[in-house]
Protein backbone atom coordinates (compact mmCIF):
# COMPACT_ATOMS: atom_id res chain seq x y z
CA MET A 1 6.16 -2.26 -19.24
CA ASN A 2 2.36 -2.81 -19.78
CA ALA A 3 0.77 0.44 -18.55
CA SER A 4 -2.49 -1.48 -17.43
CA ARG A 5 -0.51 -3.46 -15.02
CA THR A 6 1.44 -0.61 -13.49
CA ILE A 7 0.64 0.52 -9.91
CA LEU A 8 2.00 3.60 -8.28
CA LEU A 9 3.56 3.27 -4.73
CA ARG A 10 0.94 5.48 -3.29
CA GLN A 11 -1.85 3.34 -4.86
CA ALA A 12 -0.51 0.10 -3.55
CA MET A 13 0.08 1.59 -0.12
CA GLY A 14 -3.38 2.83 0.01
CA GLU A 15 -4.93 -0.45 -1.11
CA THR A 16 -2.68 -2.24 1.32
CA ILE A 17 -3.59 -0.14 4.27
CA ARG A 18 -7.34 -0.46 3.43
CA ASP A 19 -7.01 -4.18 3.30
CA LEU A 20 -5.29 -4.33 6.60
CA ARG A 21 -7.79 -2.09 8.13
CA MET A 22 -10.64 -4.23 6.90
CA ARG A 23 -9.11 -7.29 7.99
CA ALA A 24 -8.60 -5.86 11.48
CA HIS A 25 -12.37 -4.95 11.35
CA ARG A 26 -11.34 -1.35 12.14
CA THR A 27 -12.82 1.83 10.78
CA LEU A 28 -11.32 4.74 9.38
CA ARG A 29 -12.06 6.90 12.51
CA ASP A 30 -10.53 4.05 14.69
CA VAL A 31 -7.30 4.00 12.81
CA SER A 32 -7.09 7.75 12.34
CA ALA A 33 -7.52 8.41 16.11
CA ASP A 34 -5.08 5.57 17.18
CA GLY A 35 -2.53 6.70 14.53
CA GLN A 36 -2.99 10.42 15.40
CA ILE A 37 -3.75 11.24 11.73
CA SER A 38 -6.75 13.23 10.54
CA LEU A 39 -9.59 11.11 9.18
CA GLY A 40 -9.57 13.05 5.85
CA TYR A 41 -6.00 12.45 5.35
CA LEU A 42 -6.20 8.92 6.08
CA SER A 43 -8.99 8.57 3.61
CA GLU A 44 -6.91 10.26 1.03
CA ILE A 45 -4.13 8.04 1.59
CA GLU A 46 -6.23 4.78 1.37
CA ARG A 47 -7.69 6.14 -2.00
CA GLY A 48 -4.08 6.58 -3.34
CA GLN A 49 -4.42 10.30 -3.62
CA LYS A 50 -1.85 11.37 -1.01
CA GLU A 51 1.62 9.97 -0.25
CA ALA A 52 2.20 9.56 3.44
CA SER A 53 5.49 10.40 5.27
CA SER A 54 7.56 7.64 6.98
CA GLU A 55 6.23 9.07 10.24
CA VAL A 56 2.48 8.92 9.14
CA LEU A 57 3.07 5.31 7.92
CA ALA A 58 4.66 4.35 11.25
CA GLY A 59 1.57 5.72 12.98
CA ILE A 60 -0.75 3.78 10.64
CA ALA A 61 1.16 0.55 11.04
CA ASP A 62 1.05 0.92 14.94
CA ALA A 63 -2.75 1.70 14.78
CA LEU A 64 -3.24 -1.54 12.77
CA SER A 65 -0.89 -3.62 15.00
CA VAL A 66 1.67 -4.45 12.39
CA THR A 67 5.21 -3.39 11.92
CA SER A 68 6.43 -0.87 9.25
CA GLY A 69 8.34 -3.65 7.86
CA GLU A 70 5.27 -5.93 7.56
CA LEU A 71 3.37 -2.98 5.92
CA MET A 72 5.97 -2.43 3.47
CA LEU A 73 6.42 -6.19 2.68
CA GLU A 74 2.70 -6.31 1.96
CA VAL A 75 2.93 -3.19 -0.27
CA ALA A 76 5.82 -4.79 -2.37
CA GLU A 77 4.13 -8.12 -2.69
CA ARG A 78 0.90 -6.10 -4.11
CA MET A 79 3.16 -4.37 -6.56
CA LEU A 80 4.83 -7.42 -7.76
CA ALA A 81 1.47 -9.01 -8.11
CA TYR A 82 0.32 -6.12 -10.37
CA GLU A 83 3.53 -6.04 -12.28
CA SER A 84 4.13 -9.71 -12.56
CA ASP A 85 2.75 -9.99 -16.25
CA ALA A 86 4.92 -7.10 -17.15
CA VAL A 87 8.00 -8.76 -16.47
CA VAL A 88 9.56 -10.42 -19.54
CA PRO A 89 11.70 -13.46 -18.76
CA LEU A 90 15.44 -13.12 -19.71
CA GLY A 91 15.08 -15.79 -22.29
CA ALA A 92 12.27 -13.96 -24.08
CA ARG A 93 14.37 -10.83 -24.03
CA LEU A 94 17.49 -12.51 -25.51
CA ALA A 95 15.38 -14.21 -28.40
CA ALA A 96 13.88 -10.90 -29.51
């Protein structure tokens, strides 16, 4: 796998949460208050520095008016987009 196209789950999660928050025109303070998460912790999650528990992610999703499933789907799509050039088609693998 091409290391330059690898993204950690916590990084994809953080980027996705930040994107959802920005699209909703919400501040970190708004989401942290509504999700009952400390402002500093939410900031670290968004920057990909901390991994959030499922309970924290549920609170963030609720504060952003999305389901946990929708959040996870967006994270998965982001990871696939990062990794798409690292996937070697089966035909190319067999030819090697």
